[in-house]
Protein backbone atom coordinates (compact mmCIF):
# COMPACT_ATOMS: atom_id res chain seq x y z
CA UNK A 1 -0.45 0.09 0.16
CA UNK A 2 1.61 3.88 -0.84
CA UNK A 3 1.97 5.80 1.69
CA UNK A 4 -0.47 8.23 0.41
CA UNK A 5 -3.00 5.45 0.32
CA UNK A 6 -2.66 4.88 4.12
CA UNK A 7 -2.80 8.17 5.37
CA UNK A 8 -5.51 8.39 3.22
CA UNK A 9 -7.17 5.31 5.53
CA UNK A 10 -5.72 7.25 8.19
CA UNK A 11 -8.07 10.15 8.07
CA UNK A 12 -5.47 12.46 7.27
CA UNK A 13 -6.31 15.44 4.54
CA UNK A 14 -3.46 15.02 1.90
CA UNK A 15 -4.14 17.83 0.22
CA UNK A 16 -2.53 20.31 2.79
CA UNK A 17 0.11 20.57 4.77
CA UNK A 18 -0.09 19.60 9.33
CA UNK A 19 2.07 22.39 11.05
CA UNK A 20 1.06 19.92 13.94
CA UNK A 21 1.59 16.12 13.40
CA UNK A 22 4.07 14.38 10.48
CA UNK A 23 3.31 10.92 9.77
CA UNK A 24 5.46 8.13 9.44
CA UNK A 25 2.83 4.97 8.38
CA UNK A 26 4.58 1.62 8.53
CA UNK A 27 2.94 -1.97 6.52
CA UNK A 28 4.28 -4.53 7.69
CA UNK A 29 3.87 -7.67 5.60
CA UNK A 30 2.70 -11.13 6.89
CA UNK A 31 3.40 -14.41 5.13
CA UNK A 32 0.10 -16.14 3.40
CA UNK A 33 -1.82 -17.34 6.31
CA UNK A 34 -3.15 -20.93 5.12
CA UNK A 35 -7.26 -21.17 4.70
CA UNK A 36 -7.71 -23.40 8.23
CA UNK A 37 -5.76 -20.26 10.33
CA UNK A 38 -8.86 -17.76 9.29
CA UNK A 39 -11.22 -20.28 10.65
CA UNK A 40 -9.39 -20.24 14.08
CA UNK A 41 -11.89 -19.35 16.32
CA UNK A 42 -14.05 -22.18 14.96
CA UNK A 43 -14.01 -24.33 17.86
CA UNK A 44 -15.80 -27.46 16.02
CA UNK A 45 -17.05 -29.10 12.88
CA UNK A 46 -20.50 -28.32 14.05
CA UNK A 47 -19.94 -25.23 15.87
CA UNK A 48 -19.26 -22.40 12.78
CA UNK A 49 -19.32 -19.08 15.24
CA UNK A 50 -16.61 -17.61 17.45
CA UNK A 51 -18.02 -17.70 20.95
CA UNK A 52 -16.16 -19.27 23.89
CA UNK A 53 -18.19 -21.32 26.40
CA UNK A 54 -15.75 -20.97 29.67
CA UNK A 55 -16.97 -22.02 33.49
CA UNK A 56 -20.59 -21.76 32.76
CA UNK A 57 -20.67 -18.25 31.03
CA UNK A 58 -20.65 -18.06 26.95
CA UNK A 59 -19.12 -14.52 25.50
CA UNK A 60 -17.91 -13.70 21.93
CA UNK A 61 -13.87 -13.23 23.34
CA UNK A 62 -11.97 -12.03 26.16
CA UNK A 63 -10.72 -8.04 25.62
CA UNK A 64 -7.92 -7.13 28.15
CA UNK A 65 -7.50 -2.92 29.10
CA UNK A 66 -3.63 -2.80 29.30
CA UNK A 67 -1.78 0.46 30.74
CA UNK A 68 1.50 0.79 30.92
CA UNK A 69 3.57 3.00 33.72
CA UNK A 70 7.17 4.03 34.09
CA UNK A 71 7.36 2.26 30.26
CA UNK A 72 10.23 2.69 28.11
CA UNK A 73 11.30 1.98 24.28
CA UNK A 74 7.65 3.44 23.85
CA UNK A 75 8.50 5.07 20.50
CA UNK A 76 10.46 2.13 18.64
CA UNK A 77 8.40 1.26 16.01
CA UNK A 78 11.00 -2.26 15.18
CA UNK A 79 11.01 -2.99 19.08
CA UNK A 80 7.36 -2.36 19.21
CA UNK A 81 6.70 -4.32 15.99
CA UNK A 82 8.34 -7.30 17.05
CA UNK A 83 6.80 -7.40 20.73
CA UNK A 84 3.08 -7.34 18.73
CA UNK A 85 4.81 -10.55 16.78
CA UNK A 86 6.02 -12.30 20.62
CA UNK A 87 2.26 -11.81 21.73
CA UNK A 88 0.41 -13.43 19.23
CA UNK A 89 2.79 -15.90 19.35
CA UNK A 90 2.27 -16.49 22.60
CA UNK A 91 -1.17 -16.05 22.61
CA UNK A 92 -1.59 -18.53 20.01
CA UNK A 93 -3.07 -16.31 17.34
CA UNK A 94 -3.49 -15.94 14.19
CA UNK A 95 -1.32 -12.77 12.45
CA UNK A 96 -2.75 -11.03 9.74
CA UNK A 97 -1.37 -7.35 9.26
CA UNK A 98 0.43 -5.30 11.26
CA UNK A 99 0.02 -1.08 11.13
CA UNK A 100 2.09 0.79 12.82
CA UNK A 101 1.83 4.89 12.70
CA UNK A 102 4.60 7.08 13.92
CA UNK A 103 3.56 10.58 14.95
CA UNK A 104 6.49 13.80 15.32
CA UNK A 105 7.81 15.52 17.07
CA UNK A 106 7.06 13.21 20.37
CA UNK A 107 7.49 9.91 19.10
CA UNK A 108 4.27 8.14 20.04
CA UNK A 109 3.32 5.00 18.42
CA UNK A 110 -0.40 3.99 17.45
CA UNK A 111 -0.82 0.46 15.95
CA UNK A 112 -2.69 -2.15 15.45
CA UNK A 113 -2.13 -5.81 14.81
CA UNK A 114 -5.03 -7.76 13.18
CA UNK A 115 -5.40 -11.26 13.94
CA UNK A 116 -7.73 -14.39 13.06
CA UNK A 117 -8.87 -13.55 16.62
CA UNK A 118 -9.25 -9.82 16.30
CA UNK A 119 -6.88 -7.82 17.64
CA UNK A 120 -4.12 -6.33 19.50
CA UNK A 121 -3.39 -2.48 19.80
CA UNK A 122 -0.86 0.28 21.05
CA UNK A 123 -1.21 4.05 21.86
CA UNK A 124 2.13 5.60 23.22
CA UNK A 125 2.92 8.53 24.63
CA UNK A 126 6.44 7.75 25.17
CA UNK A 127 7.14 11.54 26.36
CA UNK A 128 4.67 10.45 29.39
CA UNK A 129 6.22 6.81 29.95
CA UNK A 130 3.04 5.92 29.09
CA UNK A 131 0.98 3.38 26.84
CA UNK A 132 -2.59 1.80 26.33
CA UNK A 133 -2.78 -1.76 24.28
CA UNK A 134 -6.01 -3.59 23.93
CA UNK A 135 -5.67 -6.69 23.80
CA UNK A 136 -9.30 -9.02 22.03
CA UNK A 137 -9.09 -12.49 21.06
CA UNK A 138 -12.19 -14.79 20.47
CA UNK A 139 -11.41 -18.66 20.18
CA UNK A 140 -8.99 -21.05 21.55
CA UNK A 141 -6.60 -18.16 21.73
CA UNK A 142 -4.82 -17.15 25.07
CA UNK A 143 -4.60 -13.29 25.28
CA UNK A 144 -3.46 -13.28 29.06
CA UNK A 145 -0.33 -15.00 27.56
CA UNK A 146 0.66 -11.42 26.18
CA UNK A 147 0.79 -9.78 29.37
CA UNK A 148 4.33 -10.95 30.17
CA UNK A 149 5.29 -10.14 26.92
CA UNK A 150 4.65 -6.31 27.35
CA UNK A 151 6.06 -6.28 30.96
CA UNK A 152 9.50 -8.17 29.59
CA UNK A 153 9.33 -5.64 26.27
CA UNK A 154 8.78 -2.37 28.32
CA UNK A 155 9.67 -2.92 31.92
CA UNK A 156 6.82 -0.48 33.64
CA UNK A 157 6.84 0.34 37.07
CA UNK A 158 3.07 -0.31 37.19
CA UNK A 159 1.35 -2.76 34.92
CA UNK A 160 -3.04 -2.16 35.23
CA UNK A 161 -4.82 -5.16 33.53
CA UNK A 162 -8.79 -5.00 33.20
CA UNK A 163 -10.43 -7.99 31.61
CA UNK A 164 -13.95 -7.67 30.11
CA UNK A 165 -16.18 -10.49 28.36
CA UNK A 166 -17.58 -9.05 24.78
CA UNK A 167 -20.90 -10.06 24.48
CA UNK A 168 -21.57 -11.92 27.81
CA UNK A 169 -25.18 -12.88 28.02
CA UNK A 170 -26.09 -11.43 24.97
CA UNK A 171 -24.53 -14.67 22.64
């Protein structure tokens, strides 16, 4: 995807200069994903939805809201990209695409790893040593495994995790 296309998709006005924000948009291609991986949230041949049944509850997926406080390397695109890949791997999820946007002058990063099982997103404020992440996964994926990867990668002084079972009681 061309940079102008990526910026257009982000909603930037390409016909006007912005003195507030300059953008560096990076696309990280993912090698071909097997068709069976795309159906990873399907838990049996008879069941074709993406819902989870655990501890007597039925829900669409586990959504973790993670705050990293006093964190480092929040402006390092290569490090963030590698960390998102590692989170996907340890969570036993299937990566489809990574898209990161680097802001200047503060160096913050917004980005997403799109998964067959949903997504991992990051928004960082390196000037405040803070990052906000969403880890949302369905099916057999194990989103809680990403927490330790984030702790090791960004060395926060504090990490706060909230959990929401998406669609609980509605599906």
